[in-house]
Amino acid sequence: MATMMGVTARGTPAAPPPRGLSREGRRLVRCAAASPSVSVVRVDEGDEFLKLLESSGAKHRVRLASGARGRGLFVTGPVGWSRSEVLLSVPLEICIAAPFGDEDVVKAEFYNSDDSTLTVMRRTWEKHNKAKIPKAIVSLLDSPAGDDRELAIVLWLLWAVRSGGQVWEKYAAWLPQADDMPSLMLATDKELAQLQDAQLAAEARALQAAIAAAHARLPAINAAAAEMSGAPAPNFTLRELTWGFSLVASRAVSSEIGDTGDYAAILVPFFDMANHGNTSEVTATKSVRGTEDAALGVKVTLERALNQGVGGPRLILETRRPLKTADDEVVISYDAAATNRELMLRYGFSLEGNRNDRMARPAAPDPAATAMVTTGPLRAALEERGAMREEMSASDRMRIIQVVANATGVMALAAGAEEDEEGWELDQEDVEREAAAAGDLRRAWGQALAAFDTT
């Protein structure tokens, strides 16, 4: 399922964040850096979101509002002081799901049989939402090919917001529309050219081409369903299908199926209103549960819910650390290891000071390939010169620490960690070695920055 949406992509070569966009292209970038000066504003006029949340069977301690990151989830009051507490609990039976991968990595028990996990989930969804999924979509869901199931979950979502029961039809009003999304899948050629990152633009165009190829398959898919006397999928336009792929790529939750090591993409209404932040800013984590106190996989929870009557499995959002006031935002990590290029490709935004971004070192025999500098003395020098000051905000201070750790060739410090400033001492040989390494790194990074095409 990673081929088109890229939701499980890893190992993309690191690069500086895309910069230099014109005014027309700025909608492609959303800054996710927190700003404590931004007030929290109510956006759920008439409590329509709250009413839908409660009528769907969700349990919650959250509200929809707008803050530093734009629209997102905020707590209704202090929570999580003494232990981790549930912020949002959504029944799995209203969620849309399909497993990742092709036949060689997704076991046959998860599709194309009457008691498979996918079949049980689908039937449970149909029963709860009082809507029958079209045969054309079901056939794709039952396919052993990952690309088919990827297309199926997109078609399922697009069909559901039109005629898939009251939850998804009403929730459609809260989903971002194509013109409001910063997804590169929806970008024009002119906008992609403004990225000043040829590789990222090429990857986005490849996704667009794959979506166009999937759209061209729809007539044949519907014809095959008709031959089996089944209902077709609606005749979505290419723009609508691209919008659907963008929604799934940016909003699906990845969850393990049982303890198998196989994963499913799950679209969870209400969950997807939570915004992303750096690891140090994350306030909540997600899981799949069958009861309030046991973390379980999808297949296990479904079987227990159906056979032992525990009330059904649920997707859980719970506190990672205390949230002190109603102005505290529920922030999750979409992917803690993602570089800005990966975030831009999959979600349409980048992070200031992303700790995962690194410029590639030169290859051997260049001495900068292995040069290392002790972080402590460099930090002390930064403080002495005023580049790092005690009155700086925690986010700015951490950003400088990450830059220093990257530039000196050492691994970035763990989020929130403070280095022992007294734990280093250099003799004359150390100073000479450090100075030589610093010179090599200064030259290498200077050349890399000079070669970076930006305005």
Foldseek 3Di string as FASTA:
>chain_A
DCPQQVLPDDDDAFDPFFDFFDPVLPLLAFAQDADPVWFKAADCVVCLVVVLCVVQPKDAQWHWIQTRRGIFIFGVWWDQAPHKDFGMKGFLLQKQKAWADALVQDDLLQADDCNRLVNLSQVSNCVSQVDDDWPLLNVLRRHRHRVSVLLSSLLSLLVCCVPRHDSNVSLVVVDDDLVNASALLSDDPVSLVSRLPVVLSVSSVVSVVVLVVVLVCQVVSQVVQVVVVIHGRDNDDSSSSSRSSLCQLAAWDWFDAFPSPIIMTMHTPPVSRAAADAPLLAFKDKAKDLAPPDGGHSNVSSCCCVPVPSPHIIITIITPHIDHTRRRGHHHHSDNQDHQSSCSNRGSYGYVLNLNHADQFDDPPQVLNPQAADLLVVVVVCVVVPVDDPPDDLVVNLSVQSVSCRLRVHRRDDPPDDDDNPPDDDDPVRVVSNVVSNVSSVVRVVVVVVPRDHD
